[in-house]
Every structure is written in structure tokens, then in C-alpha cells.
PDB file of N, CA and C in Angstrom:
ATOM      1  N   MET A   1      13.594  31.380  32.994  1.00  0.00           N
ATOM      2  CA  MET A   1      14.153  30.361  32.183  1.00  0.00           C
ATOM      3  C   MET A   1      13.255  29.094  32.256  1.00  0.00           C
ATOM      4  N   PRO A   2      12.801  28.602  31.109  1.00  0.00           N
ATOM      5  CA  PRO A   2      11.996  27.386  31.181  1.00  0.00           C
ATOM      6  C   PRO A   2      12.757  26.157  31.746  1.00  0.00           C
ATOM      7  N   GLU A   3      12.035  25.344  32.467  1.00  0.00           N
ATOM      8  CA  GLU A   3      12.640  24.128  33.089  1.00  0.00           C
ATOM      9  C   GLU A   3      12.292  22.881  32.225  1.00  0.00           C
ATOM     10  N   GLU A   4      13.232  22.035  32.015  1.00  0.00           N
ATOM     11  CA  GLU A   4      13.002  20.788  31.313  1.00  0.00           C
ATOM     12  C   GLU A   4      13.391  19.706  32.263  1.00  0.00           C
ATOM     13  N   VAL A   5      12.435  18.801  32.589  1.00  0.00           N
ATOM     14  CA  VAL A   5      12.707  17.697  33.580  1.00  0.00           C
ATOM     15  C   VAL A   5      13.359  16.618  32.759  1.00  0.00           C
ATOM     16  N   LEU A   6      14.566  16.300  33.152  1.00  0.00           N
ATOM     17  CA  LEU A   6      15.359  15.255  32.510  1.00  0.00           C
ATOM     18  C   LEU A   6      15.125  13.820  33.110  1.00  0.00           C
ATOM     19  N   PHE A   7      14.717  13.773  34.332  1.00  0.00           N
ATOM     20  CA  PHE A   7      14.447  12.531  35.026  1.00  0.00           C
ATOM     21  C   PHE A   7      13.600  12.774  36.201  1.00  0.00           C
ATOM     22  N   LYS A   8      12.594  11.865  36.474  1.00  0.00           N
ATOM     23  CA  LYS A   8      11.744  12.070  37.659  1.00  0.00           C
ATOM     24  C   LYS A   8      11.231  10.675  38.080  1.00  0.00           C
ATOM     25  N   THR A   9      11.313  10.387  39.315  1.00  0.00           N
ATOM     26  CA  THR A   9      10.689   9.138  39.898  1.00  0.00           C
ATOM     27  C   THR A   9      10.282   9.503  41.307  1.00  0.00           C
ATOM     28  N   GLU A  10       9.215   8.873  41.750  1.00  0.00           N
ATOM     29  CA  GLU A  10       8.710   9.128  43.054  1.00  0.00           C
ATOM     30  C   GLU A  10       8.047   7.830  43.560  1.00  0.00           C
ATOM     31  N   ARG A  11       8.366   7.375  44.692  1.00  0.00           N
ATOM     32  CA  ARG A  11       7.649   6.185  45.306  1.00  0.00           C
ATOM     33  C   ARG A  11       7.921   6.188  46.818  1.00  0.00           C
ATOM     34  N   ARG A  12       7.051   5.523  47.504  1.00  0.00           N
ATOM     35  CA  ARG A  12       7.178   5.280  48.957  1.00  0.00           C
ATOM     36  C   ARG A  12       8.218   4.291  49.242  1.00  0.00           C
ATOM     37  N   MET A  13       9.206   4.562  50.122  1.00  0.00           N
ATOM     38  CA  MET A  13      10.246   3.655  50.440  1.00  0.00           C
ATOM     39  C   MET A  13      10.529   3.646  51.948  1.00  0.00           C
ATOM     40  N   ASN A  14      11.125   2.623  52.452  1.00  0.00           N
ATOM     41  CA  ASN A  14      11.492   2.648  53.889  1.00  0.00           C
ATOM     42  C   ASN A  14      12.732   3.528  54.065  1.00  0.00           C
ATOM     43  N   ARG A  15      12.925   3.967  55.274  1.00  0.00           N
ATOM     44  CA  ARG A  15      14.028   4.895  55.583  1.00  0.00           C
ATOM     45  C   ARG A  15      15.416   4.335  55.229  1.00  0.00           C
ATOM     46  N   ASN A  16      15.601   3.011  55.422  1.00  0.00           N
ATOM     47  CA  ASN A  16      16.919   2.454  55.156  1.00  0.00           C
ATOM     48  C   ASN A  16      17.235   2.456  53.689  1.00  0.00           C
ATOM     49  N   ASP A  17      16.248   2.223  52.882  1.00  0.00           N
ATOM     50  CA  ASP A  17      16.465   2.284  51.426  1.00  0.00           C
ATOM     51  C   ASP A  17      16.814   3.692  50.997  1.00  0.00           C
ATOM     52  N   VAL A  18      16.045   4.654  51.551  1.00  0.00           N
ATOM     53  CA  VAL A  18      16.374   6.056  51.178  1.00  0.00           C
ATOM     54  C   VAL A  18      17.809   6.397  51.624  1.00  0.00           C
ATOM     55  N   ALA A  19      18.177   5.968  52.837  1.00  0.00           N
ATOM     56  CA  ALA A  19      19.542   6.239  53.314  1.00  0.00           C
ATOM     57  C   ALA A  19      20.632   5.655  52.257  1.00  0.00           C
ATOM     58  N   SER A  20      20.299   4.437  51.856  1.00  0.00           N
ATOM     59  CA  SER A  20      21.243   3.734  50.906  1.00  0.00           C
ATOM     60  C   SER A  20      21.328   4.571  49.680  1.00  0.00           C
ATOM     61  N   TYR A  21      20.288   5.060  49.048  1.00  0.00           N
ATOM     62  CA  TYR A  21      20.396   5.915  47.862  1.00  0.00           C
ATOM     63  C   TYR A  21      21.251   7.177  48.170  1.00  0.00           C
ATOM     64  N   LEU A  22      20.992   7.762  49.308  1.00  0.00           N
ATOM     65  CA  LEU A  22      21.732   9.003  49.679  1.00  0.00           C
ATOM     66  C   LEU A  22      23.168   8.717  49.815  1.00  0.00           C
ATOM     67  N   ARG A  23      23.498   7.575  50.419  1.00  0.00           N
ATOM     68  CA  ARG A  23      24.927   7.176  50.671  1.00  0.00           C
ATOM     69  C   ARG A  23      25.620   6.972  49.258  1.00  0.00           C
ATOM     70  N   THR A  24      24.924   6.353  48.369  1.00  0.00           N
ATOM     71  CA  THR A  24      25.471   6.106  47.041  1.00  0.00           C
ATOM     72  C   THR A  24      25.793   7.464  46.339  1.00  0.00           C
ATOM     73  N   VAL A  25      24.895   8.433  46.379  1.00  0.00           N
ATOM     74  CA  VAL A  25      25.117   9.768  45.879  1.00  0.00           C
ATOM     75  C   VAL A  25      26.259  10.392  46.532  1.00  0.00           C
ATOM     76  N   ALA A  26      26.376  10.337  47.875  1.00  0.00           N
ATOM     77  CA  ALA A  26      27.514  10.926  48.664  1.00  0.00           C
ATOM     78  C   ALA A  26      28.811  10.326  48.207  1.00  0.00           C
ATOM     79  N   GLU A  27      28.847   8.999  48.026  1.00  0.00           N
ATOM     80  CA  GLU A  27      30.125   8.362  47.580  1.00  0.00           C
ATOM     81  C   GLU A  27      30.521   8.763  46.207  1.00  0.00           C
ATOM     82  N   LYS A  28      29.543   8.945  45.287  1.00  0.00           N
ATOM     83  CA  LYS A  28      29.879   9.445  43.988  1.00  0.00           C
ATOM     84  C   LYS A  28      30.354  10.834  43.991  1.00  0.00           C
ATOM     85  N   LEU A  29      29.779  11.677  44.809  1.00  0.00           N
ATOM     86  CA  LEU A  29      30.243  13.069  44.948  1.00  0.00           C
ATOM     87  C   LEU A  29      31.733  13.055  45.537  1.00  0.00           C
ATOM     88  N   GLU A  30      31.967  12.277  46.590  1.00  0.00           N
ATOM     89  CA  GLU A  30      33.281  12.199  47.118  1.00  0.00           C
ATOM     90  C   GLU A  30      34.342  11.812  46.157  1.00  0.00           C
ATOM     91  N   SER A  31      34.016  10.806  45.310  1.00  0.00           N
ATOM     92  CA  SER A  31      34.970  10.242  44.420  1.00  0.00           C
ATOM     93  C   SER A  31      35.147  11.076  43.125  1.00  0.00           C
ATOM     94  N   GLY A  32      34.199  11.986  42.895  1.00  0.00           N
ATOM     95  CA  GLY A  32      34.233  12.755  41.655  1.00  0.00           C
ATOM     96  C   GLY A  32      33.650  12.017  40.478  1.00  0.00           C
ATOM     97  N   ASP A  33      32.957  10.916  40.717  1.00  0.00           N
ATOM     98  CA  ASP A  33      32.378  10.102  39.620  1.00  0.00           C
ATOM     99  C   ASP A  33      31.033  10.740  39.184  1.00  0.00           C
ATOM    100  N   SER A  34      30.656  10.378  37.960  1.00  0.00           N
ATOM    101  CA  SER A  34      29.325  10.730  37.432  1.00  0.00           C
ATOM    102  C   SER A  34      28.251  10.113  38.316  1.00  0.00           C
ATOM    103  N   ILE A  35      27.066  10.686  38.242  1.00  0.00           N
ATOM    104  CA  ILE A  35      25.914  10.132  38.948  1.00  0.00           C
ATOM    105  C   ILE A  35      24.911   9.718  37.846  1.00  0.00           C
ATOM    106  N   MET A  36      24.566   8.402  37.846  1.00  0.00           N
ATOM    107  CA  MET A  36      23.621   7.943  36.801  1.00  0.00           C
ATOM    108  C   MET A  36      22.317   7.629  37.553  1.00  0.00           C
ATOM    109  N   LEU A  37      21.256   8.145  37.049  1.00  0.00           N
ATOM    110  CA  LEU A  37      19.876   7.839  37.557  1.00  0.00           C
ATOM    111  C   LEU A  37      19.114   7.020  36.557  1.00  0.00           C
ATOM    112  N   SER A  38      18.480   5.964  36.968  1.00  0.00           N
ATOM    113  CA  SER A  38      17.664   5.187  36.029  1.00  0.00           C
ATOM    114  C   SER A  38      16.511   4.545  36.762  1.00  0.00           C
ATOM    115  N   ALA A  39      15.400   4.545  36.047  1.00  0.00           N
ATOM    116  CA  ALA A  39      14.149   3.841  36.535  1.00  0.00           C
ATOM    117  C   ALA A  39      13.345   3.611  35.260  1.00  0.00           C
ATOM    118  N   GLY A  40      12.976   2.299  35.164  1.00  0.00           N
ATOM    119  CA  GLY A  40      12.180   1.977  33.965  1.00  0.00           C
ATOM    120  C   GLY A  40      12.888   2.221  32.712  1.00  0.00           C
ATOM    121  N   ASP A  41      12.311   2.964  31.776  1.00  0.00           N
ATOM    122  CA  ASP A  41      12.895   3.236  30.461  1.00  0.00           C
ATOM    123  C   ASP A  41      13.604   4.626  30.465  1.00  0.00           C
ATOM    124  N   GLN A  42      13.680   5.279  31.629  1.00  0.00           N
ATOM    125  CA  GLN A  42      14.395   6.593  31.585  1.00  0.00           C
ATOM    126  C   GLN A  42      15.647   6.544  32.337  1.00  0.00           C
ATOM    127  N   SER A  43      16.599   7.314  31.885  1.00  0.00           N
ATOM    128  CA  SER A  43      17.867   7.398  32.589  1.00  0.00           C
ATOM    129  C   SER A  43      18.604   8.649  32.222  1.00  0.00           C
ATOM    130  N   VAL A  44      19.478   9.100  33.060  1.00  0.00           N
ATOM    131  CA  VAL A  44      20.281  10.318  32.872  1.00  0.00           C
ATOM    132  C   VAL A  44      21.526  10.191  33.625  1.00  0.00           C
ATOM    133  N   THR A  45      22.630  10.715  33.053  1.00  0.00           N
ATOM    134  CA  THR A  45      23.906  10.765  33.752  1.00  0.00           C
ATOM    135  C   THR A  45      24.395  12.159  33.877  1.00  0.00           C
ATOM    136  N   LEU A  46      24.677  12.560  35.100  1.00  0.00           N
ATOM    137  CA  LEU A  46      25.118  13.965  35.337  1.00  0.00           C
ATOM    138  C   LEU A  46      26.598  13.954  35.996  1.00  0.00           C
ATOM    139  N   ASP A  47      27.308  15.035  35.768  1.00  0.00           N
ATOM    140  CA  ASP A  47      28.608  15.225  36.329  1.00  0.00           C
ATOM    141  C   ASP A  47      28.637  16.521  37.082  1.00  0.00           C
ATOM    142  N   PRO A  48      28.329  16.406  38.377  1.00  0.00           N
ATOM    143  CA  PRO A  48      28.364  17.648  39.233  1.00  0.00           C
ATOM    144  C   PRO A  48      29.783  18.162  39.280  1.00  0.00           C
ATOM    145  N   PRO A  49      30.006  19.466  39.236  1.00  0.00           N
ATOM    146  CA  PRO A  49      31.352  20.072  39.363  1.00  0.00           C
ATOM    147  C   PRO A  49      31.830  19.937  40.776  1.00  0.00           C
ATOM    148  N   ALA A  50      33.048  20.340  41.010  1.00  0.00           N
ATOM    149  CA  ALA A  50      33.615  20.232  42.388  1.00  0.00           C
ATOM    150  C   ALA A  50      32.962  21.067  43.361  1.00  0.00           C
ATOM    151  N   GLN A  51      32.366  22.188  42.991  1.00  0.00           N
ATOM    152  CA  GLN A  51      31.634  23.037  43.903  1.00  0.00           C
ATOM    153  C   GLN A  51      30.189  23.436  43.461  1.00  0.00           C
ATOM    154  N   PRO A  52      29.304  22.495  43.387  1.00  0.00           N
ATOM    155  CA  PRO A  52      27.944  22.886  42.986  1.00  0.00           C
ATOM    156  C   PRO A  52      27.240  23.648  44.147  1.00  0.00           C
ATOM    157  N   THR A  53      26.148  24.386  43.765  1.00  0.00           N
ATOM    158  CA  THR A  53      25.405  25.028  44.874  1.00  0.00           C
ATOM    159  C   THR A  53      24.494  23.878  45.484  1.00  0.00           C
ATOM    160  N   PHE A  54      24.489  23.836  46.803  1.00  0.00           N
ATOM    161  CA  PHE A  54      23.710  22.849  47.578  1.00  0.00           C
ATOM    162  C   PHE A  54      22.626  23.553  48.340  1.00  0.00           C
ATOM    163  N   GLU A  55      21.454  23.153  48.014  1.00  0.00           N
ATOM    164  CA  GLU A  55      20.231  23.789  48.655  1.00  0.00           C
ATOM    165  C   GLU A  55      19.510  22.768  49.472  1.00  0.00           C
ATOM    166  N   VAL A  56      19.188  23.149  50.666  1.00  0.00           N
ATOM    167  CA  VAL A  56      18.370  22.290  51.634  1.00  0.00           C
ATOM    168  C   VAL A  56      17.114  23.077  52.009  1.00  0.00           C
ATOM    169  N   LYS A  57      16.007  22.426  51.843  1.00  0.00           N
ATOM    170  CA  LYS A  57      14.717  23.140  52.097  1.00  0.00           C
ATOM    171  C   LYS A  57      13.776  22.178  52.905  1.00  0.00           C
ATOM    172  N   ALA A  58      13.182  22.689  53.923  1.00  0.00           N
ATOM    173  CA  ALA A  58      12.173  21.989  54.686  1.00  0.00           C
ATOM    174  C   ALA A  58      10.832  22.701  54.397  1.00  0.00           C
ATOM    175  N   GLU A  59       9.821  22.004  54.102  1.00  0.00           N
ATOM    176  CA  GLU A  59       8.555  22.615  53.690  1.00  0.00           C
ATOM    177  C   GLU A  59       7.375  21.919  54.476  1.00  0.00           C
ATOM    178  N   HIS A  60       6.346  22.821  54.656  1.00  0.00           N
ATOM    179  CA  HIS A  60       5.038  22.241  55.057  1.00  0.00           C
ATOM    180  C   HIS A  60       3.978  22.761  54.154  1.00  0.00           C
ATOM    181  N   GLU A  61       3.354  21.801  53.432  1.00  0.00           N
ATOM    182  CA  GLU A  61       2.308  22.169  52.459  1.00  0.00           C
ATOM    183  C   GLU A  61       0.932  21.891  53.089  1.00  0.00           C
ATOM    184  N   THR A  62       0.093  22.922  53.034  1.00  0.00           N
ATOM    185  CA  THR A  62      -1.305  22.776  53.625  1.00  0.00           C
ATOM    186  C   THR A  62      -2.213  22.586  52.388  1.00  0.00           C
ATOM    187  N   PRO A  63      -2.950  21.527  52.295  1.00  0.00           N
ATOM    188  CA  PRO A  63      -3.911  21.409  51.230  1.00  0.00           C
ATOM    189  C   PRO A  63      -5.117  22.241  51.286  1.00  0.00           C
ATOM    190  N   SER A  64      -5.597  22.770  50.138  1.00  0.00           N
ATOM    191  CA  SER A  64      -6.716  23.627  50.143  1.00  0.00           C
ATOM    192  C   SER A  64      -8.025  22.948  50.650  1.00  0.00           C
ATOM    193  N   SER A  65      -8.041  21.587  50.619  1.00  0.00           N
ATOM    194  CA  SER A  65      -9.251  20.837  51.058  1.00  0.00           C
ATOM    195  C   SER A  65      -9.392  20.707  52.540  1.00  0.00           C
ATOM    196  N   GLY A  66      -8.328  21.204  53.325  1.00  0.00           N
ATOM    197  CA  GLY A  66      -8.417  21.127  54.755  1.00  0.00           C
ATOM    198  C   GLY A  66      -7.985  19.829  55.345  1.00  0.00           C
ATOM    199  N   GLY A  67      -7.543  18.841  54.519  1.00  0.00           N
ATOM    200  CA  GLY A  67      -7.069  17.583  55.025  1.00  0.00           C
ATOM    201  C   GLY A  67      -5.705  17.669  55.587  1.00  0.00           C
ATOM    202  N   PRO A  68      -4.985  16.522  55.873  1.00  0.00           N
ATOM    203  CA  PRO A  68      -3.710  16.627  56.458  1.00  0.00           C
ATOM    204  C   PRO A  68      -2.740  17.141  55.449  1.00  0.00           C
ATOM    205  N   GLY A  69      -1.780  17.936  56.001  1.00  0.00           N
ATOM    206  CA  GLY A  69      -0.760  18.553  55.225  1.00  0.00           C
ATOM    207  C   GLY A  69       0.362  17.553  54.925  1.00  0.00           C
ATOM    208  N   GLU A  70       1.401  18.076  54.234  1.00  0.00           N
ATOM    209  CA  GLU A  70       2.533  17.284  53.868  1.00  0.00           C
ATOM    210  C   GLU A  70       3.793  18.030  54.230  1.00  0.00           C
ATOM    211  N   LEU A  71       4.721  17.261  54.869  1.00  0.00           N
ATOM    212  CA  LEU A  71       5.995  17.756  55.244  1.00  0.00           C
ATOM    213  C   LEU A  71       7.066  17.246  54.292  1.00  0.00           C
ATOM    214  N   SER A  72       8.077  17.985  53.996  1.00  0.00           N
ATOM    215  CA  SER A  72       9.140  17.450  53.133  1.00  0.00           C
ATOM    216  C   SER A  72      10.491  18.079  53.425  1.00  0.00           C
ATOM    217  N   ILE A  73      11.543  17.322  53.132  1.00  0.00           N
ATOM    218  CA  ILE A  73      12.919  17.814  53.206  1.00  0.00           C
ATOM    219  C   ILE A  73      13.426  17.613  51.824  1.00  0.00           C
ATOM    220  N   GLU A  74      13.924  18.634  51.124  1.00  0.00           N
ATOM    221  CA  GLU A  74      14.426  18.559  49.796  1.00  0.00           C
ATOM    222  C   GLU A  74      15.912  18.963  49.819  1.00  0.00           C
ATOM    223  N   PHE A  75      16.693  18.107  49.118  1.00  0.00           N
ATOM    224  CA  PHE A  75      18.147  18.281  48.873  1.00  0.00           C
ATOM    225  C   PHE A  75      18.372  18.541  47.480  1.00  0.00           C
ATOM    226  N   GLU A  76      19.016  19.637  47.072  1.00  0.00           N
ATOM    227  CA  GLU A  76      19.235  19.903  45.669  1.00  0.00           C
ATOM    228  C   GLU A  76      20.626  20.354  45.369  1.00  0.00           C
ATOM    229  N   LEU A  77      21.189  19.756  44.343  1.00  0.00           N
ATOM    230  CA  LEU A  77      22.466  20.232  43.811  1.00  0.00           C
ATOM    231  C   LEU A  77      22.286  20.959  42.512  1.00  0.00           C
ATOM    232  N   GLU A  78      22.800  22.104  42.313  1.00  0.00           N
ATOM    233  CA  GLU A  78      22.532  22.744  41.069  1.00  0.00           C
ATOM    234  C   GLU A  78      23.875  23.463  40.580  1.00  0.00           C
ATOM    235  N   TRP A  79      24.031  23.549  39.302  1.00  0.00           N
ATOM    236  CA  TRP A  79      25.235  24.241  38.717  1.00  0.00           C
ATOM    237  C   TRP A  79      24.910  24.633  37.285  1.00  0.00           C
ATOM    238  N   ASP A  80      25.658  25.567  36.746  1.00  0.00           N
ATOM    239  CA  ASP A  80      25.423  25.988  35.422  1.00  0.00           C
ATOM    240  C   ASP A  80      26.003  24.916  34.434  1.00  0.00           C
ATOM    241  N   GLU A  81      25.527  24.840  33.207  1.00  0.00           N
ATOM    242  CA  GLU A  81      25.924  23.772  32.360  1.00  0.00           C
ATOM    243  C   GLU A  81      27.414  23.901  32.054  1.00  0.00           C
ATOM    244  N   ASP A  82      27.995  25.108  32.243  1.00  0.00           N
ATOM    245  CA  ASP A  82      29.420  25.190  32.015  1.00  0.00           C
ATOM    246  C   ASP A  82      30.274  24.734  33.184  1.00  0.00           C
ATOM    247  N   GLY A  83      29.562  24.174  34.178  1.00  0.00           N
ATOM    248  CA  GLY A  83      30.280  23.522  35.374  1.00  0.00           C
ATOM    249  C   GLY A  83      30.431  24.544  36.486  1.00  0.00           C
ATOM    250  N   ALA A  84      30.048  25.751  36.306  1.00  0.00           N
ATOM    251  CA  ALA A  84      30.220  26.824  37.421  1.00  0.00           C
ATOM    252  C   ALA A  84      29.159  26.530  38.433  1.00  0.00           C
ATOM    253  N   GLY A  85      29.501  26.774  39.737  1.00  0.00           N
ATOM    254  CA  GLY A  85      28.561  26.691  40.792  1.00  0.00           C
ATOM    255  C   GLY A  85      27.880  28.050  40.957  1.00  0.00           C
ATOM    256  N   GLY A  86      26.970  28.152  41.890  1.00  0.00           N
ATOM    257  CA  GLY A  86      26.341  29.385  42.162  1.00  0.00           C
ATOM    258  C   GLY A  86      26.963  30.205  43.273  1.00  0.00           C
ATOM    259  N   SER A  87      26.304  31.260  43.677  1.00  0.00           N
ATOM    260  CA  SER A  87      26.875  32.089  44.760  1.00  0.00           C
ATOM    261  C   SER A  87      26.287  31.607  46.083  1.00  0.00           C
ATOM    262  N   GLU A  88      27.056  31.893  47.174  1.00  0.00           N
ATOM    263  CA  GLU A  88      26.575  31.541  48.461  1.00  0.00           C
ATOM    264  C   GLU A  88      25.670  32.568  48.984  1.00  0.00           C
ATOM    265  N   THR A  89      24.522  32.158  49.624  1.00  0.00           N
ATOM    266  CA  THR A  89      23.584  33.124  50.126  1.00  0.00           C
ATOM    267  C   THR A  89      23.224  32.888  51.576  1.00  0.00           C
ATOM    268  N   ASP A  90      23.649  31.736  52.157  1.00  0.00           N
ATOM    269  CA  ASP A  90      23.175  31.489  53.524  1.00  0.00           C
ATOM    270  C   ASP A  90      24.448  31.117  54.387  1.00  0.00           C
ATOM    271  N   ALA A  91      24.221  31.127  55.694  1.00  0.00           N
ATOM    272  CA  ALA A  91      25.223  30.779  56.633  1.00  0.00           C
ATOM    273  C   ALA A  91      25.539  29.304  56.470  1.00  0.00           C
ATOM    274  N   SER A  92      26.540  28.799  57.171  1.00  0.00           N
ATOM    275  CA  SER A  92      26.925  27.408  57.074  1.00  0.00           C
ATOM    276  C   SER A  92      25.822  26.524  57.542  1.00  0.00           C
ATOM    277  N   LEU A  93      25.596  25.366  56.933  1.00  0.00           N
ATOM    278  CA  LEU A  93      24.592  24.399  57.202  1.00  0.00           C
ATOM    279  C   LEU A  93      25.014  23.484  58.283  1.00  0.00           C
ATOM    280  N   GLU A  94      24.090  23.103  59.154  1.00  0.00           N
ATOM    281  CA  GLU A  94      24.332  22.132  60.194  1.00  0.00           C
ATOM    282  C   GLU A  94      23.158  21.117  60.153  1.00  0.00           C
ATOM    283  N   ILE A  95      23.444  19.879  60.072  1.00  0.00           N
ATOM    284  CA  ILE A  95      22.371  18.802  60.211  1.00  0.00           C
ATOM    285  C   ILE A  95      22.681  17.931  61.333  1.00  0.00           C
ATOM    286  N   GLN A  96      21.798  17.890  62.306  1.00  0.00           N
ATOM    287  CA  GLN A  96      22.065  17.102  63.511  1.00  0.00           C
ATOM    288  C   GLN A  96      21.044  16.000  63.669  1.00  0.00           C
TER     289      GLN A  96
END
């Protein structure tokens, strides 16, 4: 299935600012409110269902040039457009 990017932004931020954004998303999820993302001239509003699929991924990318690699933690919520969540495939998640 082809992918259409509805919104994308990327910039270096301090950890406190990242935590603040994540707290805002967590509060929106807890309250059942829509999540509006905006930056510059782009914006999108999304309404996650009560049980979206939650994916957490830690990656290490090694560049082909032999320079320093890149580490990342990715958090993703996904759901079908009809509001259905996906199926569970992993054991329960722990973040410590």
C-alpha cells in the first residue's frame, strides 16, 4: 500500500522540550481529544481510536561511508481509517 506523508518535521531539540511534546500527546490520548500537529504552513489533526496499535522500535543505523552511526527510538501509533486498531504481536512493553 503506498504511503502518503501528511505531516513531517524534524529538528534538534533539548530533552526537556521533547519530553514536553510527548507529555502533551499523552494528555491528549488520555482525554480522548484530537491531536493537532502544526509547523510552518503545514498542519494535520488526527483522532486516534481508543485502542490504536502502539509500536516502539530502537534502531542502530550504520552509514555506508564508515562514519559514526545513528541511534534512534521511534514511537508510533497506527490504526485503520475506520478507527480499528491492529492485532497484538508482542509481549507487554516495559519502559524503565
